[in-house]
C-alpha atoms as a PDB file:
ATOM      1  CA  MET A   1     107.067  73.857 112.882  1.00  0.00           C
ATOM      2  CA  ASN A   2     105.741  75.900 110.098  1.00  0.00           C
ATOM      3  CA  THR A   3     105.745  79.600 110.104  1.00  0.00           C
ATOM      4  CA  TYR A   4     103.556  81.817 107.806  1.00  0.00           C
ATOM      5  CA  ARG A   5     104.128  85.296 107.233  1.00  0.00           C
ATOM      6  CA  LEU A   6     100.743  87.122 107.645  1.00  0.00           C
ATOM      7  CA  SER A   7     101.686  90.183 105.605  1.00  0.00           C
ATOM      8  CA  HIS A   8      97.975  90.713 104.575  1.00  0.00           C
ATOM      9  CA  TYR A   9      97.195  91.350 108.127  1.00  0.00           C
ATOM     10  CA  GLY A  10      97.869  94.753 110.050  1.00  0.00           C
ATOM     11  CA  LEU A  11      97.276  96.575 113.388  1.00  0.00           C
ATOM     12  CA  ILE A  12      95.452  99.447 114.731  1.00  0.00           C
ATOM     13  CA  ARG A  13      96.571 100.620 118.282  1.00  0.00           C
ATOM     14  CA  ILE A  14      93.785 101.997 120.478  1.00  0.00           C
ATOM     15  CA  SER A  15      95.277 104.141 123.406  1.00  0.00           C
ATOM     16  CA  GLY A  16      94.367 106.784 125.903  1.00  0.00           C
ATOM     17  CA  ILE A  17      92.444 107.017 129.184  1.00  0.00           C
ATOM     18  CA  ASP A  18      88.994 106.201 127.454  1.00  0.00           C
ATOM     19  CA  ALA A  19      90.157 103.356 125.307  1.00  0.00           C
ATOM     20  CA  THR A  20      88.462 100.300 127.299  1.00  0.00           C
ATOM     21  CA  LYS A  21      85.041 102.512 127.549  1.00  0.00           C
ATOM     22  CA  PHE A  22      85.391 103.573 123.987  1.00  0.00           C
ATOM     23  CA  LEU A  23      85.846  99.974 122.431  1.00  0.00           C
ATOM     24  CA  GLN A  24      83.313  98.590 124.886  1.00  0.00           C
ATOM     25  CA  GLY A  25      80.694 100.681 123.193  1.00  0.00           C
ATOM     26  CA  GLN A  26      81.880  99.874 119.723  1.00  0.00           C
ATOM     27  CA  VAL A  27      82.711  96.091 119.278  1.00  0.00           C
ATOM     28  CA  THR A  28      80.702  92.856 119.741  1.00  0.00           C
ATOM     29  CA  CYS A  29      83.226  91.221 122.197  1.00  0.00           C
ATOM     30  CA  ASP A  30      83.467  92.176 125.957  1.00  0.00           C
ATOM     31  CA  VAL A  31      86.534  94.526 126.203  1.00  0.00           C
ATOM     32  CA  ARG A  32      86.785  93.719 130.106  1.00  0.00           C
ATOM     33  CA  GLU A  33      87.752  90.187 129.106  1.00  0.00           C
ATOM     34  CA  VAL A  34      90.776  91.146 127.198  1.00  0.00           C
ATOM     35  CA  THR A  35      93.787  91.420 129.196  1.00  0.00           C
ATOM     36  CA  ASP A  36      97.530  90.700 128.578  1.00  0.00           C
ATOM     37  CA  GLN A  37      96.883  87.003 128.911  1.00  0.00           C
ATOM     38  CA  GLN A  38      93.585  86.928 127.031  1.00  0.00           C
ATOM     39  CA  SER A  39      92.324  88.033 123.573  1.00  0.00           C
ATOM     40  CA  ARG A  40      89.031  87.927 121.930  1.00  0.00           C
ATOM     41  CA  LEU A  41      87.507  87.679 118.364  1.00  0.00           C
ATOM     42  CA  GLY A  42      85.380  90.526 117.603  1.00  0.00           C
ATOM     43  CA  ALA A  43      83.516  92.574 115.079  1.00  0.00           C
ATOM     44  CA  HIS A  44      82.471  96.124 114.513  1.00  0.00           C
ATOM     45  CA  CYS A  45      78.868  96.370 113.151  1.00  0.00           C
ATOM     46  CA  ASP A  46      76.654  99.292 111.722  1.00  0.00           C
ATOM     47  CA  VAL A  47      73.441 100.376 113.396  1.00  0.00           C
ATOM     48  CA  LYS A  48      71.504  97.486 111.700  1.00  0.00           C
ATOM     49  CA  GLY A  49      73.757  94.872 113.232  1.00  0.00           C
ATOM     50  CA  ARG A  50      75.551  94.183 109.829  1.00  0.00           C
ATOM     51  CA  VAL A  51      79.270  93.379 110.123  1.00  0.00           C
ATOM     52  CA  GLN A  52      81.576  95.899 108.814  1.00  0.00           C
ATOM     53  CA  VAL A  53      85.081  94.172 110.035  1.00  0.00           C
ATOM     54  CA  THR A  54      86.230  91.156 111.673  1.00  0.00           C
ATOM     55  CA  PHE A  55      89.262  91.318 114.088  1.00  0.00           C
ATOM     56  CA  ARG A  56      91.173  89.910 116.913  1.00  0.00           C
ATOM     57  CA  LEU A  57      91.502  92.168 119.798  1.00  0.00           C
ATOM     58  CA  PHE A  58      94.354  91.808 122.288  1.00  0.00           C
ATOM     59  CA  LYS A  59      96.146  93.941 124.980  1.00  0.00           C
ATOM     60  CA  PHE A  60      99.726  94.883 125.066  1.00  0.00           C
ATOM     61  CA  ASN A  61     100.886  96.677 128.101  1.00  0.00           C
ATOM     62  CA  GLU A  62      98.344  99.613 128.554  1.00  0.00           C
ATOM     63  CA  ASP A  63      97.089  99.757 124.744  1.00  0.00           C
ATOM     64  CA  TYR A  64      94.567  97.705 122.845  1.00  0.00           C
ATOM     65  CA  TYR A  65      95.346  96.361 119.270  1.00  0.00           C
ATOM     66  CA  LEU A  66      93.029  95.314 116.474  1.00  0.00           C
ATOM     67  CA  LEU A  67      94.487  92.446 114.401  1.00  0.00           C
ATOM     68  CA  LEU A  68      92.658  92.723 110.985  1.00  0.00           C
ATOM     69  CA  LEU A  69      93.065  92.658 107.114  1.00  0.00           C
ATOM     70  CA  LYS A  70      95.359  95.270 106.099  1.00  0.00           C
ATOM     71  CA  ASN A  71      92.984  96.404 103.254  1.00  0.00           C
ATOM     72  CA  LEU A  72      90.179  97.078 105.912  1.00  0.00           C
ATOM     73  CA  ILE A  73      92.264  99.395 108.238  1.00  0.00           C
ATOM     74  CA  ASP A  74      91.216 102.629 106.303  1.00  0.00           C
ATOM     75  CA  HIS A  75      87.713 101.518 106.438  1.00  0.00           C
ATOM     76  CA  THR A  76      87.872 100.525 110.180  1.00  0.00           C
ATOM     77  CA  LEU A  77      89.566 103.911 111.085  1.00  0.00           C
ATOM     78  CA  LYS A  78      87.004 105.846 109.218  1.00  0.00           C
ATOM     79  CA  LEU A  79      84.226 104.006 111.264  1.00  0.00           C
ATOM     80  CA  LEU A  80      85.706 104.358 114.663  1.00  0.00           C
ATOM     81  CA  ASN A  81      86.888 107.711 114.292  1.00  0.00           C
ATOM     82  CA  LYS A  82      83.353 108.913 114.091  1.00  0.00           C
ATOM     83  CA  TYR A  83      82.787 107.976 117.595  1.00  0.00           C
ATOM     84  CA  ALA A  84      86.376 108.512 118.749  1.00  0.00           C
ATOM     85  CA  VAL A  85      86.148 112.423 118.750  1.00  0.00           C
ATOM     86  CA  PHE A  86      83.727 111.994 121.770  1.00  0.00           C
ATOM     87  CA  SER A  87      86.400 110.190 123.861  1.00  0.00           C
ATOM     88  CA  LYS A  88      89.995 110.668 125.072  1.00  0.00           C
ATOM     89  CA  VAL A  89      91.483 108.035 122.707  1.00  0.00           C
ATOM     90  CA  LYS A  90      93.866 107.855 119.866  1.00  0.00           C
ATOM     91  CA  LEU A  91      93.632 105.392 116.853  1.00  0.00           C
ATOM     92  CA  GLU A  92      96.726 104.530 114.962  1.00  0.00           C
ATOM     93  CA  ASP A  93      97.749 102.351 111.947  1.00  0.00           C
ATOM     94  CA  ILE A  94     101.030 100.975 113.323  1.00  0.00           C
ATOM     95  CA  SER A  95     101.414  98.143 110.594  1.00  0.00           C
ATOM     96  CA  GLU A  96     104.787  99.394 109.192  1.00  0.00           C
ATOM     97  CA  GLN A  97     106.304  99.144 112.646  1.00  0.00           C
ATOM     98  CA  TRP A  98     104.771  95.673 113.856  1.00  0.00           C
ATOM     99  CA  SER A  99     105.130  92.316 112.089  1.00  0.00           C
ATOM    100  CA  ILE A 100     102.794  89.341 112.297  1.00  0.00           C
ATOM    101  CA  ILE A 101     103.509  85.604 111.594  1.00  0.00           C
ATOM    102  CA  GLY A 102     101.421  82.522 112.019  1.00  0.00           C
ATOM    103  CA  LEU A 103     103.020  79.278 113.634  1.00  0.00           C
ATOM    104  CA  SER A 104     101.709  75.930 113.469  1.00  0.00           C
ATOM    105  CA  GLY A 105     103.229  73.108 115.630  1.00  0.00           C
ATOM    106  CA  THR A 106     104.445  72.732 119.079  1.00  0.00           C
ATOM    107  CA  LEU A 107     106.058  75.684 120.515  1.00  0.00           C
ATOM    108  CA  THR A 108     107.609  75.911 124.040  1.00  0.00           C
ATOM    109  CA  ASP A 109     105.502  78.193 126.107  1.00  0.00           C
ATOM    110  CA  MET A 110     102.709  78.515 123.744  1.00  0.00           C
ATOM    111  CA  PRO A 111      99.400  79.246 125.605  1.00  0.00           C
ATOM    112  CA  THR A 112      97.287  76.010 126.292  1.00  0.00           C
ATOM    113  CA  ASN A 113      93.768  77.570 125.958  1.00  0.00           C
ATOM    114  CA  ILE A 114      92.275  78.846 122.753  1.00  0.00           C
ATOM    115  CA  ASP A 115      92.405  82.920 122.850  1.00  0.00           C
ATOM    116  CA  ALA A 116      95.010  82.920 125.651  1.00  0.00           C
ATOM    117  CA  ALA A 117      97.944  85.254 125.226  1.00  0.00           C
ATOM    118  CA  THR A 118     101.441  85.295 126.604  1.00  0.00           C
ATOM    119  CA  ARG A 119     104.686  87.051 125.706  1.00  0.00           C
ATOM    120  CA  ILE A 120     107.963  85.480 124.449  1.00  0.00           C
ATOM    121  CA  GLU A 121     110.867  88.127 123.833  1.00  0.00           C
ATOM    122  CA  ASN A 122     108.411  90.912 124.183  1.00  0.00           C
ATOM    123  CA  CYS A 123     106.217  89.611 121.435  1.00  0.00           C
ATOM    124  CA  VAL A 124     102.645  88.634 121.867  1.00  0.00           C
ATOM    125  CA  VAL A 125     101.733  85.016 121.405  1.00  0.00           C
ATOM    126  CA  ILE A 126      98.023  84.303 120.855  1.00  0.00           C
ATOM    127  CA  ARG A 127      96.529  80.568 120.737  1.00  0.00           C
ATOM    128  CA  VAL A 128      94.205  80.327 117.866  1.00  0.00           C
ATOM    129  CA  PRO A 129      91.690  77.300 117.080  1.00  0.00           C
ATOM    130  CA  SER A 130      92.970  74.578 114.960  1.00  0.00           C
ATOM    131  CA  ALA A 131      93.265  70.835 114.921  1.00  0.00           C
ATOM    132  CA  THR A 132      96.677  71.006 115.780  1.00  0.00           C
ATOM    133  CA  PRO A 133      98.460  73.736 117.950  1.00  0.00           C
ATOM    134  CA  ARG A 134      98.567  76.947 116.275  1.00  0.00           C
ATOM    135  CA  CYS A 135      99.494  80.599 117.314  1.00  0.00           C
ATOM    136  CA  ILE A 136      99.953  84.006 116.065  1.00  0.00           C
ATOM    137  CA  ILE A 137     102.874  86.075 117.104  1.00  0.00           C
ATOM    138  CA  ILE A 138     102.866  89.892 116.969  1.00  0.00           C
ATOM    139  CA  GLY A 139     105.524  92.172 117.784  1.00  0.00           C
ATOM    140  CA  GLU A 140     107.677  95.282 116.841  1.00  0.00           C
ATOM    141  CA  ASN A 141     109.785  94.595 113.899  1.00  0.00           C
ATOM    142  CA  ALA A 142     113.050  94.165 115.721  1.00  0.00           C
ATOM    143  CA  ASN A 143     111.559  92.053 118.576  1.00  0.00           C
ATOM    144  CA  LEU A 144     109.815  89.678 116.118  1.00  0.00           C
ATOM    145  CA  GLN A 145     113.090  89.428 113.953  1.00  0.00           C
ATOM    146  CA  LYS A 146     115.028  88.554 117.128  1.00  0.00           C
ATOM    147  CA  LEU A 147     112.602  85.618 118.188  1.00  0.00           C
ATOM    148  CA  GLN A 148     112.437  84.290 114.450  1.00  0.00           C
ATOM    149  CA  GLN A 149     116.256  84.100 114.398  1.00  0.00           C
ATOM    150  CA  GLN A 150     116.169  82.252 117.872  1.00  0.00           C
ATOM    151  CA  LEU A 151     113.681  79.852 116.329  1.00  0.00           C
ATOM    152  CA  ALA A 152     115.283  79.440 112.932  1.00  0.00           C
ATOM    153  CA  ASN A 153     116.306  75.986 113.264  1.00  0.00           C
ATOM    154  CA  GLU A 154     112.993  74.792 114.006  1.00  0.00           C
ATOM    155  CA  LEU A 155     110.928  76.827 111.387  1.00  0.00           C
ATOM    156  CA  GLN A 156     110.115  75.848 107.947  1.00  0.00           C
ATOM    157  CA  THR A 157     108.267  78.410 105.753  1.00  0.00           C
ATOM    158  CA  ALA A 158     104.871  77.711 104.553  1.00  0.00           C
ATOM    159  CA  GLU A 159     102.355  79.376 102.278  1.00  0.00           C
ATOM    160  CA  ILE A 160      99.790  82.042 103.435  1.00  0.00           C
ATOM    161  CA  GLU A 161      97.119  79.894 101.808  1.00  0.00           C
ATOM    162  CA  ALA A 162      97.910  77.086 103.985  1.00  0.00           C
ATOM    163  CA  TRP A 163      97.085  79.215 106.952  1.00  0.00           C
ATOM    164  CA  GLU A 164      94.049  80.292 105.467  1.00  0.00           C
ATOM    165  CA  LEU A 165      92.993  76.688 105.173  1.00  0.00           C
ATOM    166  CA  LEU A 166      93.540  75.890 108.565  1.00  0.00           C
ATOM    167  CA  ASP A 167      91.115  79.030 109.632  1.00  0.00           C
ATOM    168  CA  ILE A 168      88.646  77.566 107.219  1.00  0.00           C
ATOM    169  CA  GLN A 169      88.850  74.051 108.908  1.00  0.00           C
ATOM    170  CA  ALA A 170      88.583  75.783 112.193  1.00  0.00           C
ATOM    171  CA  GLY A 171      85.486  77.630 111.235  1.00  0.00           C
ATOM    172  CA  ILE A 172      86.966  81.269 111.650  1.00  0.00           C
ATOM    173  CA  PRO A 173      85.313  83.602 109.118  1.00  0.00           C
ATOM    174  CA  THR A 174      86.668  86.760 107.788  1.00  0.00           C
ATOM    175  CA  ILE A 175      84.894  89.882 106.242  1.00  0.00           C
ATOM    176  CA  TYR A 176      86.495  91.032 103.177  1.00  0.00           C
ATOM    177  CA  PRO A 177      86.006  94.155 101.176  1.00  0.00           C
ATOM    178  CA  GLU A 178      83.528  92.239  99.034  1.00  0.00           C
ATOM    179  CA  THR A 179      81.413  91.084 102.089  1.00  0.00           C
ATOM    180  CA  ILE A 180      81.147  94.371 104.046  1.00  0.00           C
ATOM    181  CA  GLY A 181      77.773  94.792 105.623  1.00  0.00           C
ATOM    182  CA  LEU A 182      76.170  91.570 104.197  1.00  0.00           C
ATOM    183  CA  PHE A 183      76.039  89.559 107.202  1.00  0.00           C
ATOM    184  CA  THR A 184      74.913  89.749 110.909  1.00  0.00           C
ATOM    185  CA  PRO A 185      77.390  88.160 113.526  1.00  0.00           C
ATOM    186  CA  HIS A 186      75.037  85.298 113.640  1.00  0.00           C
ATOM    187  CA  ASP A 187      75.040  84.720 109.957  1.00  0.00           C
ATOM    188  CA  ILE A 188      78.757  83.857 110.341  1.00  0.00           C
ATOM    189  CA  ASN A 189      78.671  81.905 113.489  1.00  0.00           C
ATOM    190  CA  TYR A 190      80.359  84.616 115.638  1.00  0.00           C
ATOM    191  CA  PRO A 191      78.481  83.843 118.777  1.00  0.00           C
ATOM    192  CA  GLN A 192      79.613  80.117 118.702  1.00  0.00           C
ATOM    193  CA  ILE A 193      83.380  81.261 118.483  1.00  0.00           C
ATOM    194  CA  ASN A 194      83.232  83.631 121.300  1.00  0.00           C
ATOM    195  CA  GLY A 195      83.131  86.664 119.169  1.00  0.00           C
ATOM    196  CA  VAL A 196      79.911  88.203 120.509  1.00  0.00           C
ATOM    197  CA  SER A 197      79.045  89.037 124.374  1.00  0.00           C
ATOM    198  CA  PHE A 198      75.503  89.091 125.325  1.00  0.00           C
ATOM    199  CA  ASN A 199      76.290  90.498 128.862  1.00  0.00           C
ATOM    200  CA  LYS A 200      78.221  93.460 128.325  1.00  0.00           C
ATOM    201  CA  GLY A 201      75.747  96.203 127.501  1.00  0.00           C
ATOM    202  CA  CYS A 202      75.080  98.468 124.637  1.00  0.00           C
ATOM    203  CA  TYR A 203      77.460  98.843 121.574  1.00  0.00           C
ATOM    204  CA  THR A 204      76.625  99.772 117.882  1.00  0.00           C
ATOM    205  CA  GLY A 205      74.362  97.426 116.562  1.00  0.00           C
ATOM    206  CA  GLN A 206      73.696  95.609 119.885  1.00  0.00           C
ATOM    207  CA  GLU A 207      69.801  95.755 119.990  1.00  0.00           C
ATOM    208  CA  ILE A 208      69.472  94.098 116.647  1.00  0.00           C
ATOM    209  CA  ILE A 209      72.026  91.315 117.410  1.00  0.00           C
ATOM    210  CA  ALA A 210      70.507  90.814 120.875  1.00  0.00           C
ATOM    211  CA  ARG A 211      66.972  90.322 119.229  1.00  0.00           C
ATOM    212  CA  MET A 212      68.272  87.806 116.841  1.00  0.00           C
ATOM    213  CA  GLN A 213      69.763  85.861 119.711  1.00  0.00           C
ATOM    214  CA  PHE A 214      66.706  85.898 122.173  1.00  0.00           C
ATOM    215  CA  LEU A 215      63.665  86.302 119.800  1.00  0.00           C
ATOM    216  CA  GLY A 216      64.734  85.750 116.161  1.00  0.00           C
ATOM    217  CA  LYS A 217      64.726  82.661 114.178  1.00  0.00           C
ATOM    218  CA  LEU A 218      68.088  82.363 112.157  1.00  0.00           C
ATOM    219  CA  LYS A 219      67.465  81.037 108.553  1.00  0.00           C
ATOM    220  CA  GLN A 220      71.188  80.717 107.432  1.00  0.00           C
ATOM    221  CA  HIS A 221      74.452  79.761 109.075  1.00  0.00           C
ATOM    222  CA  LEU A 222      78.177  79.502 108.233  1.00  0.00           C
ATOM    223  CA  TYR A 223      79.035  75.831 106.608  1.00  0.00           C
ATOM    224  CA  ARG A 224      82.327  74.549 105.691  1.00  0.00           C
ATOM    225  CA  ILE A 225      82.202  73.259 102.167  1.00  0.00           C
ATOM    226  CA  GLN A 226      84.601  71.577  99.478  1.00  0.00           C
ATOM    227  CA  PHE A 227      84.511  71.453  95.484  1.00  0.00           C
ATOM    228  CA  ALA A 228      86.509  70.743  92.618  1.00  0.00           C
ATOM    229  CA  ALA A 229      87.447  73.592  90.328  1.00  0.00           C
ATOM    230  CA  ASP A 230      90.345  74.957  87.906  1.00  0.00           C
ATOM    231  CA  ALA A 231      90.594  78.080  90.237  1.00  0.00           C
ATOM    232  CA  ALA A 232      89.113  79.636  93.455  1.00  0.00           C
ATOM    233  CA  PRO A 233      85.929  81.577  93.115  1.00  0.00           C
ATOM    234  CA  ALA A 234      86.073  85.088  94.192  1.00  0.00           C
ATOM    235  CA  ILE A 235      84.983  86.269  97.636  1.00  0.00           C
ATOM    236  CA  GLY A 236      81.304  87.025  97.428  1.00  0.00           C
ATOM    237  CA  THR A 237      80.335  84.510  94.665  1.00  0.00           C
ATOM    238  CA  PRO A 238      76.791  83.379  95.177  1.00  0.00           C
ATOM    239  CA  LEU A 239      75.917  79.828  95.523  1.00  0.00           C
ATOM    240  CA  VAL A 240      72.774  78.503  93.681  1.00  0.00           C
ATOM    241  CA  ASP A 241      70.234  75.651  93.747  1.00  0.00           C
ATOM    242  CA  ASP A 242      69.210  73.698  90.690  1.00  0.00           C
ATOM    243  CA  ALA A 243      66.703  76.298  89.908  1.00  0.00           C
ATOM    244  CA  GLY A 244      69.161  78.869  90.012  1.00  0.00           C
ATOM    245  CA  HIS A 245      67.983  80.716  93.076  1.00  0.00           C
ATOM    246  CA  SER A 246      70.619  82.271  95.128  1.00  0.00           C
ATOM    247  CA  VAL A 247      71.052  80.316  98.378  1.00  0.00           C
ATOM    248  CA  GLY A 248      74.321  81.499  99.807  1.00  0.00           C
ATOM    249  CA  THR A 249      77.597  83.256  99.456  1.00  0.00           C
ATOM    250  CA  ILE A 250      81.136  82.103  99.636  1.00  0.00           C
ATOM    251  CA  ILE A 251      83.174  84.421 102.148  1.00  0.00           C
ATOM    252  CA  LYS A 252      86.544  82.672 102.526  1.00  0.00           C
ATOM    253  CA  THR A 253      88.367  80.030 100.348  1.00  0.00           C
ATOM    254  CA  ALA A 254      91.540  78.104 100.025  1.00  0.00           C
ATOM    255  CA  ALA A 255      93.153  75.322  98.015  1.00  0.00           C
ATOM    256  CA  GLY A 256      93.446  71.986  99.927  1.00  0.00           C
ATOM    257  CA  SER A 257      95.387  70.447  97.060  1.00  0.00           C
ATOM    258  CA  ALA A 258      95.501  70.736  93.132  1.00  0.00           C
ATOM    259  CA  GLN A 259      91.882  71.500  91.867  1.00  0.00           C
ATOM    260  CA  HIS A 260      90.438  70.924  95.249  1.00  0.00           C
ATOM    261  CA  PHE A 261      89.157  73.660  97.475  1.00  0.00           C
ATOM    262  CA  GLU A 262      87.670  74.214 100.929  1.00  0.00           C
ATOM    263  CA  ALA A 263      85.739  77.449 101.836  1.00  0.00           C
ATOM    264  CA  LEU A 264      83.412  79.015 104.289  1.00  0.00           C
ATOM    265  CA  ALA A 265      79.940  79.848 103.032  1.00  0.00           C
ATOM    266  CA  VAL A 266      76.916  81.515 104.342  1.00  0.00           C
ATOM    267  CA  LEU A 267      74.125  79.177 103.597  1.00  0.00           C
ATOM    268  CA  GLN A 268      70.357  79.091 103.851  1.00  0.00           C
ATOM    269  CA  ASP A 269      69.564  76.070 105.963  1.00  0.00           C
ATOM    270  CA  LYS A 270      66.589  75.060 103.653  1.00  0.00           C
ATOM    271  CA  ALA A 271      69.195  74.593 100.892  1.00  0.00           C
ATOM    272  CA  LEU A 272      71.100  71.847 102.747  1.00  0.00           C
ATOM    273  CA  THR A 273      68.895  69.200 101.219  1.00  0.00           C
ATOM    274  CA  SER A 274      69.396  70.606  97.541  1.00  0.00           C
ATOM    275  CA  VAL A 275      72.073  70.332  95.131  1.00  0.00           C
ATOM    276  CA  ILE A 276      74.313  73.395  95.460  1.00  0.00           C
ATOM    277  CA  ARG A 277      76.363  74.812  92.811  1.00  0.00           C
ATOM    278  CA  ILE A 278      78.647  77.830  92.324  1.00  0.00           C
ATOM    279  CA  ALA A 279      77.131  80.715  90.421  1.00  0.00           C
ATOM    280  CA  ASN A 280      78.332  80.981  86.762  1.00  0.00           C
ATOM    281  CA  ALA A 281      79.967  77.339  87.107  1.00  0.00           C
ATOM    282  CA  ALA A 282      76.975  75.333  86.803  1.00  0.00           C
ATOM    283  CA  GLN A 283      79.227  71.977  86.588  1.00  0.00           C
ATOM    284  CA  THR A 284      80.785  72.964  90.164  1.00  0.00           C
ATOM    285  CA  ILE A 285      78.828  71.177  92.959  1.00  0.00           C
ATOM    286  CA  VAL A 286      79.724  71.748  96.273  1.00  0.00           C
ATOM    287  CA  GLN A 287      79.677  69.365  99.258  1.00  0.00           C
ATOM    288  CA  LEU A 288      79.335  70.086 102.905  1.00  0.00           C
ATOM    289  CA  CYS A 289      82.313  69.161 104.933  1.00  0.00           C
ATOM    290  CA  ILE A 290      81.388  67.093 108.080  1.00  0.00           C
END
């Protein structure tokens, strides 16, 4: 089994008697579906329905936890605390007290279903999408260290970029600081990966998101692409057609091998029949992954 130290991720704990009601009014997923045995991908959007942050929501004992990029924790706390003052709820950054690893390979007691959760040695184990069995393991530092010691003979350390590549191949998008507020959940295919509920009622940005689902005609989608390059383009790099018109944006990228990259990009559907290039690197042609 390969293990990945996901140190670029952190955790926000949401506790208090109003925690469920508070989160239900803020995030795209249905918080009522999140239990000790079930997690959900989700997003927090602004009032215009634009995604501010993506995360995985899970429950441990009586509290909820947001698993998200560590460099978006302050931004997320600022957004949520604007509404938290009206509820009996507490939001805490607990990233220093808890650790997060990824694991690919067959682990005894790994949940069978995607998004399902279980516990091993008082750590949370969440099954995540992948062509091969893969999970995220989250726990307080001492508990996770104990579990890793028990599995030490079975684990081989792998690079974080390899984990990011698995996310790309599974079509799991991430909003980075460079792409805050650029896309709707539909743009990044969040409804297709169970990151949006259309039955839960009102939440921030819900009206616009629902309108797009039932009345709108989406003109761009998330696609997996590949290309050869000397270095990975930055998150947020535009993609252009032969006329130099912007037709998309790279939102996540990872190296598949030397000078070969895979990425997730939001692309205009009308551009799929065109030659698509990376802006400022006209020689670099991207291809859709089938």
